[in-house]
Protein backbone atom coordinates (compact mmCIF):
# COMPACT_ATOMS: atom_id res chain seq x y z
CA UNK A 1 -6.32 367.58 315.83
CA UNK A 2 -3.38 368.23 313.48
CA UNK A 3 -0.88 368.06 316.34
CA UNK A 4 -2.34 364.83 317.64
CA UNK A 5 -1.90 363.11 314.27
CA UNK A 6 1.67 364.43 314.04
CA UNK A 7 2.41 363.15 317.56
CA UNK A 8 0.93 359.77 316.62
CA UNK A 9 3.06 359.71 313.48
CA UNK A 10 6.24 360.47 315.44
CA UNK A 11 5.35 357.87 318.05
CA UNK A 12 4.94 355.25 315.34
CA UNK A 13 8.22 356.38 313.79
CA UNK A 14 9.98 356.08 317.16
CA UNK A 15 8.49 352.60 317.68
CA UNK A 16 9.71 351.59 314.18
CA UNK A 17 13.24 352.84 314.87
CA UNK A 18 13.28 351.05 318.21
CA UNK A 19 12.29 347.82 316.48
CA UNK A 20 14.90 348.48 313.79
CA UNK A 21 17.57 349.10 316.47
CA UNK A 22 16.56 345.87 318.24
CA UNK A 23 16.82 344.05 314.88
CA UNK A 24 20.31 345.40 314.20
CA UNK A 25 21.40 344.48 317.72
CA UNK A 26 20.15 340.93 317.24
CA UNK A 27 21.79 340.81 313.81
CA UNK A 28 25.11 342.09 315.27
CA UNK A 29 24.94 339.44 318.00
CA UNK A 30 24.31 336.80 315.31
CA UNK A 31 27.27 338.02 313.25
CA UNK A 32 29.47 337.96 316.33
CA UNK A 33 28.45 334.35 317.07
CA UNK A 34 28.97 333.43 313.41
CA UNK A 35 32.40 335.08 313.40
CA UNK A 36 33.37 333.14 316.55
CA UNK A 37 32.13 329.92 314.88
CA UNK A 38 34.18 330.59 311.75
CA UNK A 39 37.24 331.40 313.86
CA UNK A 40 36.88 328.08 315.69
CA UNK A 41 36.40 326.34 312.33
CA UNK A 42 39.53 327.99 310.94
CA UNK A 43 41.52 326.96 314.02
CA UNK A 44 40.22 323.39 313.60
CA UNK A 45 41.18 323.26 309.93
CA UNK A 46 44.61 324.70 310.74
CA UNK A 47 45.15 321.89 313.26
CA UNK A 48 43.84 319.37 310.73
CA UNK A 49 46.22 320.71 308.05
CA UNK A 50 49.14 320.48 310.49
CA UNK A 51 48.14 316.87 311.27
CA UNK A 52 48.01 315.94 307.58
CA UNK A 53 51.38 317.62 307.01
CA UNK A 54 52.91 315.52 309.81
CA UNK A 55 51.21 312.43 308.38
CA UNK A 56 52.61 313.16 304.90
CA UNK A 57 56.11 313.62 306.36
CA UNK A 58 55.75 310.28 308.16
CA UNK A 59 54.69 308.47 304.99
CA UNK A 60 57.56 310.08 303.08
CA UNK A 61 60.02 308.76 305.68
CA UNK A 62 58.30 305.36 305.57
CA UNK A 63 58.54 305.25 301.76
CA UNK A 64 62.25 306.16 301.93
CA UNK A 65 62.78 303.35 304.46
CA UNK A 66 61.06 300.76 302.25
CA UNK A 67 63.02 301.97 299.23
CA UNK A 68 66.29 301.42 301.12
CA UNK A 69 65.03 298.00 302.24
CA UNK A 70 64.13 297.10 298.65
CA UNK A 71 67.59 298.09 297.43
CA UNK A 72 69.18 295.93 300.16
CA UNK A 73 67.05 292.89 299.27
CA UNK A 74 67.85 293.34 295.59
CA UNK A 75 71.58 293.21 296.43
CA UNK A 76 70.95 290.17 298.64
CA UNK A 77 69.02 288.40 295.85
CA UNK A 78 71.86 289.13 293.39
CA UNK A 79 74.33 287.63 295.88
CA UNK A 80 72.28 284.46 296.29
CA UNK A 81 71.90 284.15 292.53
CA UNK A 82 75.71 284.27 292.18
CA UNK A 83 76.08 281.77 295.03
CA UNK A 84 73.54 279.41 293.39
CA UNK A 85 75.39 279.64 290.08
CA UNK A 86 78.64 278.84 291.90
CA UNK A 87 77.16 275.80 293.65
CA UNK A 88 75.64 274.58 290.39
CA UNK A 89 79.09 274.72 288.79
CA UNK A 90 80.52 272.90 291.82
CA UNK A 91 77.81 270.24 291.56
CA UNK A 92 78.63 269.64 287.89
CA UNK A 93 82.30 269.33 288.80
CA UNK A 94 81.60 266.80 291.57
CA UNK A 95 79.36 264.79 289.24
CA UNK A 96 82.24 264.55 286.81
CA UNK A 97 84.52 263.60 289.69
CA UNK A 98 82.10 260.85 290.82
CA UNK A 99 82.01 259.46 287.29
CA UNK A 100 85.79 259.47 287.26
CA UNK A 101 85.99 257.57 290.57
CA UNK A 102 83.46 255.02 289.34
CA UNK A 103 85.65 254.34 286.33
CA UNK A 104 88.70 254.08 288.57
CA UNK A 105 87.33 251.45 291.00
CA UNK A 106 89.22 248.65 289.27
CA UNK A 107 92.41 250.66 289.39
CA UNK A 108 92.01 251.45 293.10
CA UNK A 109 91.77 247.71 293.86
CA UNK A 110 95.22 247.18 292.31
CA UNK A 111 96.75 250.38 293.73
CA UNK A 112 95.96 250.02 297.45
CA UNK A 113 99.57 250.54 298.42
CA UNK A 114 99.69 253.81 296.48
CA UNK A 115 96.53 255.09 298.10
CA UNK A 116 97.81 254.24 301.58
CA UNK A 117 100.59 256.75 301.02
CA UNK A 118 98.05 259.15 299.58
CA UNK A 119 95.82 258.68 302.65
CA UNK A 120 98.42 260.42 304.76
CA UNK A 121 98.12 263.41 302.46
CA UNK A 122 94.31 263.38 302.69
CA UNK A 123 94.48 263.12 306.48
CA UNK A 124 96.43 266.35 306.48
CA UNK A 125 93.81 267.76 304.11
CA UNK A 126 91.03 266.61 306.47
CA UNK A 127 92.73 268.40 309.35
CA UNK A 128 92.85 271.51 307.17
CA UNK A 129 89.15 271.21 306.30
CA UNK A 130 88.27 270.63 309.97
CA UNK A 131 89.94 273.93 310.76
CA UNK A 132 87.99 275.43 307.89
CA UNK A 133 84.74 273.98 309.30
CA UNK A 134 85.53 275.48 312.70
CA UNK A 135 86.10 278.81 310.96
CA UNK A 136 82.73 278.57 309.20
CA UNK A 137 81.02 277.65 312.47
CA UNK A 138 82.42 280.85 313.97
CA UNK A 139 81.18 282.67 310.89
CA UNK A 140 77.69 281.19 311.41
CA UNK A 141 77.70 282.38 315.03
CA UNK A 142 78.72 285.81 313.77
CA UNK A 143 75.76 285.91 311.37
CA UNK A 144 73.40 284.77 314.11
CA UNK A 145 74.56 287.64 316.35
CA UNK A 146 73.80 290.37 313.91
CA UNK A 147 72.07 290.96 310.60
CA UNK A 148 73.64 294.43 310.58
CA UNK A 149 76.90 292.89 309.32
CA UNK A 150 75.14 291.16 306.40
CA UNK A 151 76.66 293.30 303.67
CA UNK A 152 80.20 292.72 304.93
CA UNK A 153 79.36 289.02 305.14
CA UNK A 154 78.31 289.12 301.49
CA UNK A 155 81.70 290.57 300.55
CA UNK A 156 83.35 287.82 302.62
CA UNK A 157 81.39 285.10 300.79
CA UNK A 158 82.28 286.65 297.46
CA UNK A 159 85.93 286.24 298.40
CA UNK A 160 85.10 282.69 299.48
CA UNK A 161 83.51 281.99 296.10
CA UNK A 162 86.70 283.17 294.40
CA UNK A 163 88.65 280.89 296.75
CA UNK A 164 86.46 277.89 295.91
CA UNK A 165 86.68 278.64 292.21
CA UNK A 166 90.45 278.52 292.54
CA UNK A 167 90.02 275.30 294.52
CA UNK A 168 87.85 273.83 291.78
CA UNK A 169 90.50 274.72 289.23
CA UNK A 170 93.05 273.02 291.50
CA UNK A 171 90.92 269.88 291.82
CA UNK A 172 90.36 269.79 288.07
CA UNK A 173 94.12 269.93 287.57
CA UNK A 174 94.50 267.24 290.24
CA UNK A 175 91.91 265.07 288.48
CA UNK A 176 93.80 265.45 285.21
CA UNK A 177 96.99 264.51 287.03
CA UNK A 178 95.44 261.38 288.51
CA UNK A 179 93.91 260.36 285.20
CA UNK A 180 97.35 260.55 283.60
CA UNK A 181 98.75 258.60 286.56
CA UNK A 182 96.07 255.95 286.22
CA UNK A 183 96.80 255.56 282.54
CA UNK A 184 100.50 255.25 283.32
CA UNK A 185 99.91 252.59 285.98
CA UNK A 186 97.47 250.73 283.72
CA UNK A 187 100.14 250.73 281.07
CA UNK A 188 102.70 249.56 283.63
CA UNK A 189 100.49 246.70 284.82
CA UNK A 190 99.59 245.69 281.26
CA UNK A 191 103.22 245.74 280.17
CA UNK A 192 104.28 243.85 283.30
CA UNK A 193 101.69 241.12 282.68
CA UNK A 194 102.70 240.87 279.03
CA UNK A 195 106.41 240.55 279.85
CA UNK A 196 105.83 238.21 282.83
CA UNK A 197 102.88 235.91 282.08
CA UNK A 198 103.63 234.03 285.31
CA UNK A 199 102.37 237.09 287.31
CA UNK A 200 98.82 236.45 286.18
């Protein structure tokens, strides 16, 4: 009877160890599947990190591009502001010139012969300005062909502004000259009428 109980005890012990071994085998299989899952997850996150790194590099390049574009437009805006200021000065000058010509209408009626000689000079000036217009038309075609040359065009227009400023100074001197001439001719006509009343 004692041996039978001992045999039964060992049999139960063997059955317990067999169940324990089966448990550890199932647990090992679970850990292996979990390890494979984590490895796939790590590989996925590594790919995701690489994607975000490429995306960040792209946005950095995009930001640099927009910063360069902003700097270009700021220079362009500054150019147009200078051009507007120049044209405003030119407009004020032409308004003064118009006022001068309105005051000189009476004089021009008496000085037709003088202006006929002057017309020849202005015809030469018109021919010069027609050549200038043709030049600007070629410049317009140049700007239509390529915005890449915009910055060099800006430098060209800055030189043109300096040219027109010199031209404005020239026309102001010319206006002063004509005003003195008008006064001289007015004096001449007044004196002539005073000395020769029969001319009236």
